[in-house]
Amino acid sequence: MSGFDMSIYDIPSNMTQTISITPVQIECAPDLTNIIDLSWKIVLVFVVAWAARQLIFTAKTS
């Protein structure tokens, strides 16, 4: 979709005006390096959470 037309009706003058509007297109291509970086950060969060759980479990059993 490249744009759309909008009609405006003016009651006092009994006229219709049509305006074509074309919004700015924003490129949104996925960046593979950002996806890999995010994946490693998620893995890091899981590793830290697992290590904290192990430390808490070890402290409770000793």
N, C-alpha and C. Protein backbone atom coordinates (compact mmCIF):
# COMPACT_ATOMS: atom_id res chain seq x y z
N MET A 1 0.85 -1.17 0.00
CA MET A 1 0.00 0.00 0.00
C MET A 1 0.89 1.22 0.00
N SER A 2 0.73 2.06 -0.98
CA SER A 2 1.59 3.24 -1.07
C SER A 2 0.93 4.48 -0.52
N GLY A 3 -0.37 4.49 -0.33
CA GLY A 3 -1.04 5.67 0.19
C GLY A 3 -2.54 5.50 0.15
N PHE A 4 -3.26 6.57 0.49
CA PHE A 4 -4.71 6.51 0.47
C PHE A 4 -5.26 7.90 0.17
N ASP A 5 -6.52 7.93 -0.25
CA ASP A 5 -7.20 9.18 -0.56
C ASP A 5 -8.20 9.49 0.56
N MET A 6 -8.29 10.76 0.92
CA MET A 6 -9.22 11.19 1.95
C MET A 6 -10.09 12.30 1.36
N SER A 7 -11.40 12.13 1.49
CA SER A 7 -12.34 13.13 0.99
C SER A 7 -12.86 13.97 2.15
N ILE A 8 -12.88 15.28 1.94
CA ILE A 8 -13.36 16.22 2.95
C ILE A 8 -14.56 16.96 2.35
N TYR A 9 -15.66 16.91 3.07
CA TYR A 9 -16.87 17.60 2.61
C TYR A 9 -17.08 18.85 3.46
N ASP A 10 -17.17 20.00 2.80
CA ASP A 10 -17.39 21.28 3.46
C ASP A 10 -18.87 21.64 3.32
N ILE A 11 -19.59 21.61 4.46
CA ILE A 11 -21.04 21.83 4.44
C ILE A 11 -21.41 23.24 3.97
N PRO A 12 -20.80 24.32 4.51
CA PRO A 12 -21.23 25.66 4.09
C PRO A 12 -21.06 25.92 2.59
N SER A 13 -19.96 25.44 2.02
CA SER A 13 -19.75 25.70 0.58
C SER A 13 -20.27 24.58 -0.30
N ASN A 14 -20.73 23.47 0.30
CA ASN A 14 -21.28 22.33 -0.44
C ASN A 14 -20.27 21.80 -1.46
N MET A 15 -18.98 21.72 -1.03
CA MET A 15 -17.93 21.23 -1.93
C MET A 15 -17.20 20.06 -1.27
N THR A 16 -16.72 19.18 -2.11
CA THR A 16 -15.92 18.03 -1.65
C THR A 16 -14.52 18.18 -2.19
N GLN A 17 -13.54 18.00 -1.31
CA GLN A 17 -12.14 18.08 -1.71
C GLN A 17 -11.49 16.74 -1.38
N THR A 18 -10.72 16.20 -2.32
CA THR A 18 -10.03 14.93 -2.12
C THR A 18 -8.54 15.18 -1.99
N ILE A 19 -7.95 14.59 -0.96
CA ILE A 19 -6.52 14.74 -0.69
C ILE A 19 -5.88 13.36 -0.74
N SER A 20 -4.77 13.22 -1.45
CA SER A 20 -4.00 11.97 -1.47
C SER A 20 -2.90 12.06 -0.43
N ILE A 21 -2.85 11.05 0.44
CA ILE A 21 -1.85 11.02 1.51
C ILE A 21 -0.97 9.80 1.31
N THR A 22 0.33 10.02 1.28
CA THR A 22 1.29 8.93 1.17
C THR A 22 2.21 8.99 2.39
N PRO A 23 2.06 8.04 3.34
CA PRO A 23 2.91 8.06 4.53
C PRO A 23 4.36 7.68 4.19
N VAL A 24 5.26 8.09 5.04
CA VAL A 24 6.67 7.77 4.86
C VAL A 24 6.87 6.28 5.13
N GLN A 25 7.54 5.60 4.23
CA GLN A 25 7.82 4.18 4.40
C GLN A 25 9.08 4.00 5.23
N ILE A 26 9.00 3.20 6.28
CA ILE A 26 10.15 2.93 7.14
C ILE A 26 10.65 1.53 6.85
N GLU A 27 11.92 1.41 6.55
CA GLU A 27 12.49 0.10 6.27
C GLU A 27 12.65 -0.67 7.57
N CYS A 28 12.20 -1.89 7.58
CA CYS A 28 12.25 -2.70 8.79
C CYS A 28 12.80 -4.08 8.45
N ALA A 29 14.05 -4.13 8.09
CA ALA A 29 14.69 -5.40 7.77
C ALA A 29 15.30 -5.99 9.04
N PRO A 30 15.06 -7.28 9.30
CA PRO A 30 15.64 -7.88 10.51
C PRO A 30 17.16 -7.95 10.39
N ASP A 31 17.83 -7.63 11.46
CA ASP A 31 19.29 -7.64 11.49
C ASP A 31 19.73 -8.89 12.25
N LEU A 32 20.43 -9.78 11.59
CA LEU A 32 20.81 -11.06 12.18
C LEU A 32 21.74 -10.88 13.37
N THR A 33 22.61 -9.88 13.34
CA THR A 33 23.54 -9.69 14.46
C THR A 33 22.78 -9.30 15.73
N ASN A 34 21.71 -8.51 15.61
CA ASN A 34 20.92 -8.15 16.79
C ASN A 34 20.21 -9.36 17.36
N ILE A 35 19.74 -10.26 16.51
CA ILE A 35 19.04 -11.46 16.97
C ILE A 35 20.01 -12.37 17.72
N ILE A 36 21.20 -12.53 17.20
CA ILE A 36 22.21 -13.37 17.87
C ILE A 36 22.62 -12.75 19.20
N ASP A 37 22.79 -11.45 19.22
CA ASP A 37 23.15 -10.76 20.46
C ASP A 37 22.07 -10.93 21.52
N LEU A 38 20.82 -10.78 21.13
CA LEU A 38 19.70 -10.97 22.07
C LEU A 38 19.65 -12.41 22.56
N SER A 39 19.90 -13.36 21.69
CA SER A 39 19.88 -14.77 22.09
C SER A 39 20.94 -15.05 23.15
N TRP A 40 22.13 -14.52 22.98
CA TRP A 40 23.19 -14.73 23.96
C TRP A 40 22.86 -14.08 25.29
N LYS A 41 22.20 -12.93 25.26
CA LYS A 41 21.81 -12.27 26.51
C LYS A 41 20.76 -13.09 27.24
N ILE A 42 19.83 -13.70 26.51
CA ILE A 42 18.82 -14.56 27.14
C ILE A 42 19.49 -15.79 27.76
N VAL A 43 20.44 -16.38 27.06
CA VAL A 43 21.19 -17.52 27.61
C VAL A 43 21.92 -17.10 28.88
N LEU A 44 22.52 -15.93 28.88
CA LEU A 44 23.24 -15.44 30.06
C LEU A 44 22.30 -15.29 31.25
N VAL A 45 21.10 -14.77 31.02
CA VAL A 45 20.12 -14.63 32.11
C VAL A 45 19.77 -16.00 32.69
N PHE A 46 19.55 -17.00 31.84
CA PHE A 46 19.24 -18.34 32.34
C PHE A 46 20.40 -18.94 33.12
N VAL A 47 21.63 -18.74 32.67
CA VAL A 47 22.79 -19.27 33.37
C VAL A 47 22.94 -18.62 34.74
N VAL A 48 22.77 -17.31 34.80
CA VAL A 48 22.88 -16.60 36.09
C VAL A 48 21.77 -17.05 37.03
N ALA A 49 20.55 -17.20 36.52
CA ALA A 49 19.44 -17.66 37.36
C ALA A 49 19.69 -19.07 37.88
N TRP A 50 20.20 -19.95 37.04
CA TRP A 50 20.49 -21.32 37.46
C TRP A 50 21.59 -21.33 38.51
N ALA A 51 22.64 -20.52 38.32
CA ALA A 51 23.73 -20.46 39.29
C ALA A 51 23.23 -19.92 40.63
N ALA A 52 22.38 -18.91 40.61
CA ALA A 52 21.83 -18.37 41.85
C ALA A 52 20.98 -19.42 42.56
N ARG A 53 20.21 -20.17 41.80
CA ARG A 53 19.39 -21.24 42.39
C ARG A 53 20.27 -22.31 43.03
N GLN A 54 21.35 -22.64 42.36
CA GLN A 54 22.26 -23.65 42.92
C GLN A 54 22.91 -23.15 44.20
N LEU A 55 23.29 -21.89 44.22
CA LEU A 55 23.90 -21.32 45.44
C LEU A 55 22.90 -21.31 46.59
N ILE A 56 21.66 -20.96 46.33
CA ILE A 56 20.65 -20.94 47.37
C ILE A 56 20.36 -22.35 47.87
N PHE A 57 20.25 -23.31 46.95
CA PHE A 57 20.01 -24.69 47.33
C PHE A 57 21.15 -25.25 48.16
N THR A 58 22.41 -24.93 47.77
CA THR A 58 23.57 -25.40 48.51
C THR A 58 23.63 -24.79 49.91
N ALA A 59 23.26 -23.51 50.02
CA ALA A 59 23.28 -22.84 51.32
C ALA A 59 22.22 -23.43 52.24
N LYS A 60 21.06 -23.84 51.72
CA LYS A 60 20.00 -24.42 52.54
C LYS A 60 20.34 -25.82 53.04
N THR A 61 21.07 -26.58 52.23
CA THR A 61 21.38 -27.96 52.61
C THR A 61 22.61 -28.05 53.51
N SER A 62 23.42 -26.99 53.63
CA SER A 62 24.61 -27.11 54.49
C SER A 62 24.34 -26.64 55.90
